[in-house]
Amino acid sequence: MARRRRPPGKRLAIKSGVRRRQGGHQDGGQPGGRCPVHLGEVARIKLEVFGLDGHFDLASGAYGDDDPERPKLVTVAQRRAGELTGVAFNSDTTVLVGDTPKDVEAGMQAGVHVIGVAAGKSSGPQLRDAGAHEVADDLDQCRDMLKQLALPRCPQAT
């Protein structure tokens, strides 16, 4: 097993709610794919540093090296998640969770429901101004919002 290293000069911290979120897909929840703008390998390393790499389904995500245009990453992630689960993901069955205005704008352009999470550098008002349908203060609140949205949206495997 590779030893986790902290980047020099960086103070690393896990945001509130991340540890509780990590069980989602593995506990029978919906796939927890990611659509970060990072390269896929960078996303994997970032999660590994915090010991979270085994808790996210990176194969169903989309990354900056898949397409330079953020809105197109949503379609890539939907396709991959569908291939892995046998579930058809579309704009009605996809929720994008983002923590930057650019994330929110990408989700809006892709036509999916967007939850902004003001747990990083971007504030709730900034995410709301970018068009987020809902804004959570942290990942715990985001989890609760996702649970509420999942009831009518959950697609069934074919």
C-alpha atoms as a PDB file:
ATOM      1  CA  MET A   1       0.000   0.000   0.000  1.00  0.00           C
ATOM      2  CA  ALA A   2       1.338   3.405  -0.935  1.00  0.00           C
ATOM      3  CA  ARG A   3       2.134   5.744   1.910  1.00  0.00           C
ATOM      4  CA  ARG A   4      -0.004   8.875   1.985  1.00  0.00           C
ATOM      5  CA  ARG A   5       1.970  12.085   1.797  1.00  0.00           C
ATOM      6  CA  ARG A   6       0.863  15.541   2.700  1.00  0.00           C
ATOM      7  CA  PRO A   7       1.755  18.226   0.153  1.00  0.00           C
ATOM      8  CA  PRO A   8       4.483  20.511   1.557  1.00  0.00           C
ATOM      9  CA  GLY A   9       3.166  23.621   3.262  1.00  0.00           C
ATOM     10  CA  LYS A  10      -0.463  22.515   3.039  1.00  0.00           C
ATOM     11  CA  ARG A  11      -2.730  22.020   6.042  1.00  0.00           C
ATOM     12  CA  LEU A  12      -5.150  19.256   5.174  1.00  0.00           C
ATOM     13  CA  ALA A  13      -8.560  18.837   6.722  1.00  0.00           C
ATOM     14  CA  ILE A  14     -11.629  16.801   5.890  1.00  0.00           C
ATOM     15  CA  LYS A  15     -14.799  18.882   5.663  1.00  0.00           C
ATOM     16  CA  SER A  16     -17.818  18.185   7.866  1.00  0.00           C
ATOM     17  CA  GLY A  17     -19.941  15.310   6.579  1.00  0.00           C
ATOM     18  CA  VAL A  18     -17.357  13.653   4.325  1.00  0.00           C
ATOM     19  CA  ARG A  19     -16.775  10.650   6.596  1.00  0.00           C
ATOM     20  CA  ARG A  20     -20.527  10.055   6.862  1.00  0.00           C
ATOM     21  CA  ARG A  21     -20.960  10.453   3.068  1.00  0.00           C
ATOM     22  CA  GLN A  22     -18.333   7.891   2.242  1.00  0.00           C
ATOM     23  CA  GLY A  23     -20.602   4.862   2.728  1.00  0.00           C
ATOM     24  CA  GLY A  24     -23.270   6.009   0.230  1.00  0.00           C
ATOM     25  CA  HIS A  25     -22.815   3.770  -2.810  1.00  0.00           C
ATOM     26  CA  GLN A  26     -21.325   0.843  -0.930  1.00  0.00           C
ATOM     27  CA  ASP A  27     -24.260   0.807   1.479  1.00  0.00           C
ATOM     28  CA  GLY A  28     -26.740   0.352  -1.362  1.00  0.00           C
ATOM     29  CA  GLY A  29     -27.151   4.039  -2.168  1.00  0.00           C
ATOM     30  CA  GLN A  30     -26.859   5.591  -5.592  1.00  0.00           C
ATOM     31  CA  PRO A  31     -23.469   5.733  -7.333  1.00  0.00           C
ATOM     32  CA  GLY A  32     -21.206   8.422  -5.938  1.00  0.00           C
ATOM     33  CA  GLY A  33     -19.431   9.406  -9.121  1.00  0.00           C
ATOM     34  CA  ARG A  34     -17.416  12.566  -9.356  1.00  0.00           C
ATOM     35  CA  CYS A  35     -17.049  15.188 -12.084  1.00  0.00           C
ATOM     36  CA  PRO A  36     -14.129  17.284 -10.915  1.00  0.00           C
ATOM     37  CA  VAL A  37     -12.173  19.339 -13.376  1.00  0.00           C
ATOM     38  CA  HIS A  38      -9.000  17.687 -12.100  1.00  0.00           C
ATOM     39  CA  LEU A  39      -7.335  14.955 -14.054  1.00  0.00           C
ATOM     40  CA  GLY A  40      -8.628  11.553 -12.974  1.00  0.00           C
ATOM     41  CA  GLU A  41      -5.315  10.641 -11.371  1.00  0.00           C
ATOM     42  CA  VAL A  42      -5.225  13.896  -9.395  1.00  0.00           C
ATOM     43  CA  ALA A  43      -8.738  13.225  -8.061  1.00  0.00           C
ATOM     44  CA  ARG A  44      -7.680   9.738  -6.976  1.00  0.00           C
ATOM     45  CA  ILE A  45      -4.585  11.064  -5.194  1.00  0.00           C
ATOM     46  CA  LYS A  46      -6.555  13.800  -3.413  1.00  0.00           C
ATOM     47  CA  LEU A  47      -8.981  11.210  -2.053  1.00  0.00           C
ATOM     48  CA  GLU A  48      -6.148   8.839  -1.155  1.00  0.00           C
ATOM     49  CA  VAL A  49      -4.396  11.506   0.953  1.00  0.00           C
ATOM     50  CA  PHE A  50      -7.442  11.547   3.254  1.00  0.00           C
ATOM     51  CA  GLY A  51      -8.006   7.794   3.164  1.00  0.00           C
ATOM     52  CA  LEU A  52     -11.234   8.257   1.196  1.00  0.00           C
ATOM     53  CA  ASP A  53     -10.144   6.656  -2.074  1.00  0.00           C
ATOM     54  CA  GLY A  54     -11.974   3.392  -1.390  1.00  0.00           C
ATOM     55  CA  HIS A  55     -15.251   5.154  -0.655  1.00  0.00           C
ATOM     56  CA  PHE A  56     -16.003   6.832  -3.965  1.00  0.00           C
ATOM     57  CA  ASP A  57     -16.783   5.126  -7.241  1.00  0.00           C
ATOM     58  CA  LEU A  58     -14.207   6.901  -9.373  1.00  0.00           C
ATOM     59  CA  ALA A  59     -14.973   4.691 -12.375  1.00  0.00           C
ATOM     60  CA  SER A  60     -18.420   6.291 -12.693  1.00  0.00           C
ATOM     61  CA  GLY A  61     -17.072   9.821 -12.560  1.00  0.00           C
ATOM     62  CA  ALA A  62     -15.786  12.204 -15.207  1.00  0.00           C
ATOM     63  CA  TYR A  63     -12.685  14.344 -15.083  1.00  0.00           C
ATOM     64  CA  GLY A  64     -11.031  17.310 -16.762  1.00  0.00           C
ATOM     65  CA  ASP A  65      -8.986  15.008 -18.954  1.00  0.00           C
ATOM     66  CA  ASP A  66     -12.233  13.483 -20.332  1.00  0.00           C
ATOM     67  CA  ASP A  67     -13.403  16.782 -21.798  1.00  0.00           C
ATOM     68  CA  PRO A  68     -12.262  20.373 -21.241  1.00  0.00           C
ATOM     69  CA  GLU A  69     -15.889  21.616 -21.140  1.00  0.00           C
ATOM     70  CA  ARG A  70     -17.420  21.082 -17.686  1.00  0.00           C
ATOM     71  CA  PRO A  71     -21.044  20.585 -18.802  1.00  0.00           C
ATOM     72  CA  LYS A  72     -19.965  17.673 -21.019  1.00  0.00           C
ATOM     73  CA  LEU A  73     -18.485  15.932 -17.968  1.00  0.00           C
ATOM     74  CA  VAL A  74     -22.013  15.397 -16.653  1.00  0.00           C
ATOM     75  CA  THR A  75     -22.918  13.348 -19.734  1.00  0.00           C
ATOM     76  CA  VAL A  76     -19.700  11.340 -19.444  1.00  0.00           C
ATOM     77  CA  ALA A  77     -20.440  10.559 -15.774  1.00  0.00           C
ATOM     78  CA  GLN A  78     -24.047   9.615 -16.581  1.00  0.00           C
ATOM     79  CA  ARG A  79     -22.888   7.204 -19.284  1.00  0.00           C
ATOM     80  CA  ARG A  80     -20.232   5.612 -17.078  1.00  0.00           C
ATOM     81  CA  ALA A  81     -22.579   5.263 -14.110  1.00  0.00           C
ATOM     82  CA  GLY A  82     -25.144   3.687 -16.415  1.00  0.00           C
ATOM     83  CA  GLU A  83     -22.626   1.207 -17.792  1.00  0.00           C
ATOM     84  CA  LEU A  84     -21.586   0.189 -14.285  1.00  0.00           C
ATOM     85  CA  THR A  85     -25.077  -0.070 -12.786  1.00  0.00           C
ATOM     86  CA  GLY A  86     -27.438  -0.916 -15.629  1.00  0.00           C
ATOM     87  CA  VAL A  87     -29.409   2.230 -14.752  1.00  0.00           C
ATOM     88  CA  ALA A  88     -30.205   4.917 -17.312  1.00  0.00           C
ATOM     89  CA  PHE A  89     -29.162   8.306 -15.934  1.00  0.00           C
ATOM     90  CA  ASN A  90     -30.606  11.443 -17.514  1.00  0.00           C
ATOM     91  CA  SER A  91     -31.346  15.027 -16.510  1.00  0.00           C
ATOM     92  CA  ASP A  92     -34.297  13.895 -14.364  1.00  0.00           C
ATOM     93  CA  THR A  93     -32.270  11.305 -12.460  1.00  0.00           C
ATOM     94  CA  THR A  94     -29.001  13.191 -11.996  1.00  0.00           C
ATOM     95  CA  VAL A  95     -28.044  15.610  -9.247  1.00  0.00           C
ATOM     96  CA  LEU A  96     -24.797  17.537  -9.493  1.00  0.00           C
ATOM     97  CA  VAL A  97     -23.239  18.557  -6.176  1.00  0.00           C
ATOM     98  CA  GLY A  98     -20.690  21.316  -6.564  1.00  0.00           C
ATOM     99  CA  ASP A  99     -18.771  23.720  -4.387  1.00  0.00           C
ATOM    100  CA  THR A 100     -17.886  26.407  -6.924  1.00  0.00           C
ATOM    101  CA  PRO A 101     -19.930  28.700  -9.176  1.00  0.00           C
ATOM    102  CA  LYS A 102     -18.325  26.974 -12.193  1.00  0.00           C
ATOM    103  CA  ASP A 103     -19.611  23.595 -10.926  1.00  0.00           C
ATOM    104  CA  VAL A 104     -23.099  25.060 -10.557  1.00  0.00           C
ATOM    105  CA  GLU A 105     -22.990  26.663 -14.008  1.00  0.00           C
ATOM    106  CA  ALA A 106     -21.897  23.344 -15.559  1.00  0.00           C
ATOM    107  CA  GLY A 107     -24.804  21.515 -13.961  1.00  0.00           C
ATOM    108  CA  MET A 108     -27.248  24.185 -15.065  1.00  0.00           C
ATOM    109  CA  GLN A 109     -25.932  24.030 -18.646  1.00  0.00           C
ATOM    110  CA  ALA A 110     -26.206  20.209 -18.542  1.00  0.00           C
ATOM    111  CA  GLY A 111     -29.831  20.538 -17.417  1.00  0.00           C
ATOM    112  CA  VAL A 112     -29.528  18.626 -14.133  1.00  0.00           C
ATOM    113  CA  HIS A 113     -30.613  19.482 -10.604  1.00  0.00           C
ATOM    114  CA  VAL A 114     -27.790  21.299  -8.788  1.00  0.00           C
ATOM    115  CA  ILE A 115     -26.982  21.475  -5.093  1.00  0.00           C
ATOM    116  CA  GLY A 116     -24.273  23.946  -4.176  1.00  0.00           C
ATOM    117  CA  VAL A 117     -22.270  23.164  -1.047  1.00  0.00           C
ATOM    118  CA  ALA A 118     -20.806  26.222   0.665  1.00  0.00           C
ATOM    119  CA  ALA A 119     -18.153  24.245   2.526  1.00  0.00           C
ATOM    120  CA  GLY A 120     -15.199  25.511   0.518  1.00  0.00           C
ATOM    121  CA  LYS A 121     -14.067  28.877  -0.792  1.00  0.00           C
ATOM    122  CA  SER A 122     -17.421  29.763  -2.362  1.00  0.00           C
ATOM    123  CA  SER A 123     -20.237  31.163  -0.231  1.00  0.00           C
ATOM    124  CA  GLY A 124     -23.895  30.209  -0.293  1.00  0.00           C
ATOM    125  CA  PRO A 125     -24.882  33.492  -1.987  1.00  0.00           C
ATOM    126  CA  GLN A 126     -22.213  32.967  -4.675  1.00  0.00           C
ATOM    127  CA  LEU A 127     -23.550  29.464  -5.409  1.00  0.00           C
ATOM    128  CA  ARG A 128     -27.147  30.697  -5.392  1.00  0.00           C
ATOM    129  CA  ASP A 129     -26.224  33.543  -7.767  1.00  0.00           C
ATOM    130  CA  ALA A 130     -24.630  30.996 -10.101  1.00  0.00           C
ATOM    131  CA  GLY A 131     -28.009  29.246 -10.286  1.00  0.00           C
ATOM    132  CA  ALA A 132     -27.934  26.405  -7.749  1.00  0.00           C
ATOM    133  CA  HIS A 133     -31.407  24.996  -7.119  1.00  0.00           C
ATOM    134  CA  GLU A 134     -30.493  24.443  -3.469  1.00  0.00           C
ATOM    135  CA  VAL A 135     -27.535  25.440  -1.305  1.00  0.00           C
ATOM    136  CA  ALA A 136     -26.228  23.438   1.649  1.00  0.00           C
ATOM    137  CA  ASP A 137     -23.962  24.851   4.346  1.00  0.00           C
ATOM    138  CA  ASP A 138     -22.035  21.568   4.660  1.00  0.00           C
ATOM    139  CA  LEU A 139     -22.039  17.970   3.442  1.00  0.00           C
ATOM    140  CA  ASP A 140     -24.331  16.826   6.263  1.00  0.00           C
ATOM    141  CA  GLN A 141     -27.033  19.193   5.035  1.00  0.00           C
ATOM    142  CA  CYS A 142     -26.265  18.180   1.448  1.00  0.00           C
ATOM    143  CA  ARG A 143     -26.762  14.508   2.360  1.00  0.00           C
ATOM    144  CA  ASP A 144     -30.196  15.326   3.777  1.00  0.00           C
ATOM    145  CA  MET A 145     -31.108  17.215   0.598  1.00  0.00           C
ATOM    146  CA  LEU A 146     -29.960  14.288  -1.544  1.00  0.00           C
ATOM    147  CA  LYS A 147     -32.078  11.867   0.483  1.00  0.00           C
ATOM    148  CA  GLN A 148     -35.147  14.045  -0.111  1.00  0.00           C
ATOM    149  CA  LEU A 149     -34.424  14.273  -3.823  1.00  0.00           C
ATOM    150  CA  ALA A 150     -33.684  10.559  -4.178  1.00  0.00           C
ATOM    151  CA  LEU A 151     -37.173   9.390  -3.295  1.00  0.00           C
ATOM    152  CA  PRO A 152     -38.884  10.563  -6.491  1.00  0.00           C
ATOM    153  CA  ARG A 153     -35.753  10.430  -8.696  1.00  0.00           C
ATOM    154  CA  CYS A 154     -34.166   7.033  -8.020  1.00  0.00           C
ATOM    155  CA  PRO A 155     -33.974   5.105 -11.275  1.00  0.00           C
ATOM    156  CA  GLN A 156     -34.382   1.348 -11.109  1.00  0.00           C
ATOM    157  CA  ALA A 157     -31.843  -1.033 -12.635  1.00  0.00           C
ATOM    158  CA  THR A 158     -33.057  -2.776 -15.766  1.00  0.00           C
END
